[in-house]
């Protein structure tokens, strides 16, 4: 594992945990829909969360 992979690994684990939580939430909220729909809903929630977090960042271009 190179240095970049070591640095990024915790973020990958965290994003996978968040996505798993969103899948569980989508299943709970939509118990009658199929796997593809659950995955779609979870992915949409993940993207919404990502966008909201990105909008909260203050970026300075040097």
PDB file of N, CA and C in Angstrom:
ATOM      1  N   UNK A   1       0.859  -1.176   0.000  1.00  0.00           N
ATOM      2  CA  UNK A   1       0.000   0.000   0.000  1.00  0.00           C
ATOM      3  C   UNK A   1       0.904   1.239   0.000  1.00  0.00           C
ATOM      4  N   UNK A   2       0.686   2.131  -0.975  1.00  0.00           N
ATOM      5  CA  UNK A   2       1.525   3.321  -1.031  1.00  0.00           C
ATOM      6  C   UNK A   2       1.011   4.395  -0.058  1.00  0.00           C
ATOM      7  N   UNK A   3       1.728   5.477   0.029  1.00  0.00           N
ATOM      8  CA  UNK A   3       1.411   6.526   1.011  1.00  0.00           C
ATOM      9  C   UNK A   3       0.036   7.157   0.776  1.00  0.00           C
ATOM     10  N   UNK A   4      -0.306   7.402  -0.480  1.00  0.00           N
ATOM     11  CA  UNK A   4      -1.611   7.982  -0.794  1.00  0.00           C
ATOM     12  C   UNK A   4      -2.746   7.040  -0.388  1.00  0.00           C
ATOM     13  N   UNK A   5      -2.571   5.759  -0.670  1.00  0.00           N
ATOM     14  CA  UNK A   5      -3.591   4.780  -0.277  1.00  0.00           C
ATOM     15  C   UNK A   5      -3.760   4.736   1.231  1.00  0.00           C
ATOM     16  N   UNK A   6      -2.664   4.805   1.967  1.00  0.00           N
ATOM     17  CA  UNK A   6      -2.726   4.817   3.427  1.00  0.00           C
ATOM     18  C   UNK A   6      -3.469   6.044   3.938  1.00  0.00           C
ATOM     19  N   UNK A   7      -3.254   7.168   3.280  1.00  0.00           N
ATOM     20  CA  UNK A   7      -3.906   8.411   3.683  1.00  0.00           C
ATOM     21  C   UNK A   7      -5.401   8.378   3.367  1.00  0.00           C
ATOM     22  N   UNK A   8      -5.777   7.814   2.239  1.00  0.00           N
ATOM     23  CA  UNK A   8      -7.163   7.810   1.792  1.00  0.00           C
ATOM     24  C   UNK A   8      -7.993   6.680   2.398  1.00  0.00           C
ATOM     25  N   UNK A   9      -7.360   5.635   2.901  1.00  0.00           N
ATOM     26  CA  UNK A   9      -8.062   4.459   3.401  1.00  0.00           C
ATOM     27  C   UNK A   9      -9.128   4.779   4.453  1.00  0.00           C
ATOM     28  N   UNK A  10      -8.833   5.592   5.467  1.00  0.00           N
ATOM     29  CA  UNK A  10      -9.876   5.903   6.458  1.00  0.00           C
ATOM     30  C   UNK A  10     -11.101   6.587   5.847  1.00  0.00           C
ATOM     31  N   UNK A  11     -10.890   7.411   4.836  1.00  0.00           N
ATOM     32  CA  UNK A  11     -12.006   8.095   4.181  1.00  0.00           C
ATOM     33  C   UNK A  11     -12.854   7.112   3.377  1.00  0.00           C
ATOM     34  N   UNK A  12     -12.211   6.145   2.779  1.00  0.00           N
ATOM     35  CA  UNK A  12     -12.934   5.120   2.026  1.00  0.00           C
ATOM     36  C   UNK A  12     -13.795   4.289   2.975  1.00  0.00           C
ATOM     37  N   UNK A  13     -13.218   3.911   4.101  1.00  0.00           N
ATOM     38  CA  UNK A  13     -13.959   3.140   5.106  1.00  0.00           C
ATOM     39  C   UNK A  13     -15.150   3.951   5.614  1.00  0.00           C
ATOM     40  N   UNK A  14     -14.933   5.207   5.910  1.00  0.00           N
ATOM     41  CA  UNK A  14     -16.008   6.069   6.407  1.00  0.00           C
ATOM     42  C   UNK A  14     -17.123   6.207   5.377  1.00  0.00           C
ATOM     43  N   UNK A  15     -16.775   6.433   4.121  1.00  0.00           N
ATOM     44  CA  UNK A  15     -17.812   6.584   3.091  1.00  0.00           C
ATOM     45  C   UNK A  15     -18.589   5.289   2.904  1.00  0.00           C
ATOM     46  N   UNK A  16     -17.924   4.139   3.017  1.00  0.00           N
ATOM     47  CA  UNK A  16     -18.624   2.859   2.925  1.00  0.00           C
ATOM     48  C   UNK A  16     -19.580   2.660   4.095  1.00  0.00           C
ATOM     49  N   UNK A  17     -19.169   3.085   5.285  1.00  0.00           N
ATOM     50  CA  UNK A  17     -20.037   2.980   6.459  1.00  0.00           C
ATOM     51  C   UNK A  17     -21.255   3.889   6.319  1.00  0.00           C
ATOM     52  N   UNK A  18     -21.033   5.090   5.827  1.00  0.00           N
ATOM     53  CA  UNK A  18     -22.143   6.025   5.617  1.00  0.00           C
ATOM     54  C   UNK A  18     -23.122   5.462   4.594  1.00  0.00           C
ATOM     55  N   UNK A  19     -22.600   4.935   3.495  1.00  0.00           N
ATOM     56  CA  UNK A  19     -23.465   4.363   2.465  1.00  0.00           C
ATOM     57  C   UNK A  19     -24.247   3.170   3.012  1.00  0.00           C
ATOM     58  N   UNK A  20     -23.613   2.347   3.818  1.00  0.00           N
ATOM     59  CA  UNK A  20     -24.314   1.205   4.424  1.00  0.00           C
ATOM     60  C   UNK A  20     -25.441   1.694   5.339  1.00  0.00           C
ATOM     61  N   UNK A  21     -25.186   2.758   6.086  1.00  0.00           N
ATOM     62  CA  UNK A  21     -26.232   3.336   6.945  1.00  0.00           C
ATOM     63  C   UNK A  21     -27.384   3.884   6.110  1.00  0.00           C
ATOM     64  N   UNK A  22     -27.062   4.507   4.987  1.00  0.00           N
ATOM     65  CA  UNK A  22     -28.105   5.053   4.120  1.00  0.00           C
ATOM     66  C   UNK A  22     -28.923   3.944   3.459  1.00  0.00           C
ATOM     67  N   UNK A  23     -28.281   2.832   3.130  1.00  0.00           N
ATOM     68  CA  UNK A  23     -29.004   1.685   2.585  1.00  0.00           C
ATOM     69  C   UNK A  23     -29.973   1.147   3.636  1.00  0.00           C
ATOM     70  N   UNK A  24     -29.492   1.008   4.867  1.00  0.00           N
ATOM     71  CA  UNK A  24     -30.358   0.521   5.948  1.00  0.00           C
ATOM     72  C   UNK A  24     -31.535   1.465   6.170  1.00  0.00           C
ATOM     73  N   UNK A  25     -31.273   2.759   6.119  1.00  0.00           N
ATOM     74  CA  UNK A  25     -32.339   3.747   6.298  1.00  0.00           C
ATOM     75  C   UNK A  25     -33.353   3.660   5.154  1.00  0.00           C
ATOM     76  N   UNK A  26     -32.868   3.517   3.925  1.00  0.00           N
ATOM     77  CA  UNK A  26     -33.764   3.417   2.769  1.00  0.00           C
ATOM     78  C   UNK A  26     -34.621   2.154   2.866  1.00  0.00           C
ATOM     79  N   UNK A  27     -34.036   1.045   3.335  1.00  0.00           N
ATOM     80  CA  UNK A  27     -34.804  -0.197   3.515  1.00  0.00           C
ATOM     81  C   UNK A  27     -35.896  -0.010   4.560  1.00  0.00           C
ATOM     82  N   UNK A  28     -35.552   0.676   5.643  1.00  0.00           N
ATOM     83  CA  UNK A  28     -36.515   0.895   6.718  1.00  0.00           C
ATOM     84  C   UNK A  28     -37.669   1.784   6.254  1.00  0.00           C
ATOM     85  N   UNK A  29     -37.349   2.812   5.486  1.00  0.00           N
ATOM     86  CA  UNK A  29     -38.356   3.761   5.023  1.00  0.00           C
ATOM     87  C   UNK A  29     -39.173   3.231   3.841  1.00  0.00           C
ATOM     88  N   UNK A  30     -38.636   2.258   3.118  1.00  0.00           N
ATOM     89  CA  UNK A  30     -39.288   1.729   1.911  1.00  0.00           C
ATOM     90  C   UNK A  30     -39.236   0.201   1.918  1.00  0.00           C
ATOM     91  N   UNK A  31     -39.954  -0.436   2.826  1.00  0.00           N
ATOM     92  CA  UNK A  31     -39.822  -1.888   2.982  1.00  0.00           C
ATOM     93  C   UNK A  31     -40.356  -2.718   1.808  1.00  0.00           C
ATOM     94  N   UNK A  32     -41.114  -2.128   0.925  1.00  0.00           N
ATOM     95  CA  UNK A  32     -41.717  -2.908  -0.158  1.00  0.00           C
ATOM     96  C   UNK A  32     -40.990  -2.786  -1.493  1.00  0.00           C
ATOM     97  N   UNK A  33     -39.950  -1.984  -1.579  1.00  0.00           N
ATOM     98  CA  UNK A  33     -39.258  -1.807  -2.865  1.00  0.00           C
ATOM     99  C   UNK A  33     -38.095  -2.777  -2.991  1.00  0.00           C
ATOM    100  N   UNK A  34     -37.644  -2.973  -4.219  1.00  0.00           N
ATOM    101  CA  UNK A  34     -36.571  -3.920  -4.509  1.00  0.00           C
ATOM    102  C   UNK A  34     -35.190  -3.368  -4.221  1.00  0.00           C
ATOM    103  N   UNK A  35     -34.217  -4.239  -4.410  1.00  0.00           N
ATOM    104  CA  UNK A  35     -32.820  -3.924  -4.112  1.00  0.00           C
ATOM    105  C   UNK A  35     -32.306  -2.765  -4.966  1.00  0.00           C
ATOM    106  N   UNK A  36     -32.641  -2.761  -6.241  1.00  0.00           N
ATOM    107  CA  UNK A  36     -32.155  -1.695  -7.122  1.00  0.00           C
ATOM    108  C   UNK A  36     -32.690  -0.336  -6.676  1.00  0.00           C
ATOM    109  N   UNK A  37     -33.955  -0.295  -6.308  1.00  0.00           N
ATOM    110  CA  UNK A  37     -34.550   0.963  -5.851  1.00  0.00           C
ATOM    111  C   UNK A  37     -33.926   1.406  -4.530  1.00  0.00           C
ATOM    112  N   UNK A  38     -33.676   0.465  -3.631  1.00  0.00           N
ATOM    113  CA  UNK A  38     -33.024   0.785  -2.359  1.00  0.00           C
ATOM    114  C   UNK A  38     -31.641   1.378  -2.626  1.00  0.00           C
ATOM    115  N   UNK A  39     -30.880   0.742  -3.503  1.00  0.00           N
ATOM    116  CA  UNK A  39     -29.540   1.244  -3.825  1.00  0.00           C
ATOM    117  C   UNK A  39     -29.604   2.630  -4.457  1.00  0.00           C
ATOM    118  N   UNK A  40     -30.590   2.835  -5.330  1.00  0.00           N
ATOM    119  CA  UNK A  40     -30.761   4.145  -5.956  1.00  0.00           C
ATOM    120  C   UNK A  40     -31.071   5.209  -4.903  1.00  0.00           C
ATOM    121  N   UNK A  41     -32.011   4.919  -4.018  1.00  0.00           N
ATOM    122  CA  UNK A  41     -32.387   5.877  -2.972  1.00  0.00           C
ATOM    123  C   UNK A  41     -31.211   6.175  -2.047  1.00  0.00           C
ATOM    124  N   UNK A  42     -30.461   5.155  -1.692  1.00  0.00           N
ATOM    125  CA  UNK A  42     -29.297   5.348  -0.827  1.00  0.00           C
ATOM    126  C   UNK A  42     -28.238   6.194  -1.531  1.00  0.00           C
ATOM    127  N   UNK A  43     -28.014   5.926  -2.808  1.00  0.00           N
ATOM    128  CA  UNK A  43     -27.024   6.700  -3.568  1.00  0.00           C
ATOM    129  C   UNK A  43     -27.449   8.165  -3.691  1.00  0.00           C
ATOM    130  N   UNK A  44     -28.739   8.391  -3.913  1.00  0.00           N
ATOM    131  CA  UNK A  44     -29.239   9.768  -3.975  1.00  0.00           C
ATOM    132  C   UNK A  44     -29.029  10.482  -2.643  1.00  0.00           C
ATOM    133  N   UNK A  45     -29.313   9.800  -1.554  1.00  0.00           N
ATOM    134  CA  UNK A  45     -29.101  10.386  -0.225  1.00  0.00           C
ATOM    135  C   UNK A  45     -27.623  10.685   0.003  1.00  0.00           C
ATOM    136  N   UNK A  46     -26.753   9.762  -0.435  1.00  0.00           N
ATOM    137  CA  UNK A  46     -25.309   9.954  -0.291  1.00  0.00           C
ATOM    138  C   UNK A  46     -24.854  11.186  -1.071  1.00  0.00           C
ATOM    139  N   UNK A  47     -25.338  11.319  -2.300  1.00  0.00           N
ATOM    140  CA  UNK A  47     -24.964  12.471  -3.122  1.00  0.00           C
ATOM    141  C   UNK A  47     -25.482  13.776  -2.523  1.00  0.00           C
ATOM    142  N   UNK A  48     -26.702  13.753  -2.001  1.00  0.00           N
ATOM    143  CA  UNK A  48     -27.250  14.946  -1.346  1.00  0.00           C
ATOM    144  C   UNK A  48     -26.413  15.333  -0.137  1.00  0.00           C
ATOM    145  N   UNK A  49     -26.021  14.342   0.641  1.00  0.00           N
ATOM    146  CA  UNK A  49     -25.183  14.590   1.811  1.00  0.00           C
ATOM    147  C   UNK A  49     -23.825  15.154   1.397  1.00  0.00           C
ATOM    148  N   UNK A  50     -23.250  14.587   0.360  1.00  0.00           N
ATOM    149  CA  UNK A  50     -21.959  15.055  -0.135  1.00  0.00           C
ATOM    150  C   UNK A  50     -22.044  16.499  -0.612  1.00  0.00           C
ATOM    151  N   UNK A  51     -23.070  16.826  -1.369  1.00  0.00           N
ATOM    152  CA  UNK A  51     -23.245  18.191  -1.868  1.00  0.00           C
ATOM    153  C   UNK A  51     -23.427  19.167  -0.710  1.00  0.00           C
ATOM    154  N   UNK A  52     -24.229  18.777   0.276  1.00  0.00           N
ATOM    155  CA  UNK A  52     -24.438  19.682   1.420  1.00  0.00           C
ATOM    156  C   UNK A  52     -23.143  19.902   2.191  1.00  0.00           C
ATOM    157  N   UNK A  53     -22.329  18.871   2.302  1.00  0.00           N
ATOM    158  CA  UNK A  53     -21.056  19.022   2.998  1.00  0.00           C
ATOM    159  C   UNK A  53     -20.074  19.869   2.186  1.00  0.00           C
ATOM    160  N   UNK A  54     -20.081  19.679   0.879  1.00  0.00           N
ATOM    161  CA  UNK A  54     -19.192  20.471   0.019  1.00  0.00           C
ATOM    162  C   UNK A  54     -19.589  21.937   0.055  1.00  0.00           C
ATOM    163  N   UNK A  55     -20.888  22.209   0.124  1.00  0.00           N
ATOM    164  CA  UNK A  55     -21.351  23.596   0.188  1.00  0.00           C
ATOM    165  C   UNK A  55     -20.980  24.272   1.501  1.00  0.00           C
ATOM    166  N   UNK A  56     -20.715  23.488   2.521  1.00  0.00           N
ATOM    167  CA  UNK A  56     -20.360  24.072   3.816  1.00  0.00           C
ATOM    168  C   UNK A  56     -18.874  24.399   3.914  1.00  0.00           C
ATOM    169  N   UNK A  57     -18.091  23.956   2.941  1.00  0.00           N
ATOM    170  CA  UNK A  57     -16.655  24.214   2.964  1.00  0.00           C
ATOM    171  C   UNK A  57     -16.341  25.618   2.448  1.00  0.00           C
ATOM    172  N   UNK A  58     -15.354  26.202   3.033  1.00  0.00           N
ATOM    173  CA  UNK A  58     -14.859  27.481   2.536  1.00  0.00           C
ATOM    174  C   UNK A  58     -13.541  27.190   1.826  1.00  0.00           C
ATOM    175  N   UNK A  59     -13.535  27.377   0.521  1.00  0.00           N
ATOM    176  CA  UNK A  59     -12.357  27.050  -0.287  1.00  0.00           C
ATOM    177  C   UNK A  59     -11.680  28.347  -0.710  1.00  0.00           C
ATOM    178  N   UNK A  60     -10.363  28.350  -0.535  1.00  0.00           N
ATOM    179  CA  UNK A  60      -9.582  29.507  -0.961  1.00  0.00           C
ATOM    180  C   UNK A  60      -8.606  29.052  -2.027  1.00  0.00           C
ATOM    181  N   UNK A  61      -8.669  29.691  -3.170  1.00  0.00           N
ATOM    182  CA  UNK A  61      -7.767  29.369  -4.267  1.00  0.00           C
ATOM    183  C   UNK A  61      -6.571  30.291  -4.177  1.00  0.00           C
ATOM    184  N   UNK A  62      -5.415  29.683  -4.118  1.00  0.00           N
ATOM    185  CA  UNK A  62      -4.169  30.461  -3.968  1.00  0.00           C
ATOM    186  C   UNK A  62      -3.594  30.855  -5.297  1.00  0.00           C
TER     187      UNK A  62
END
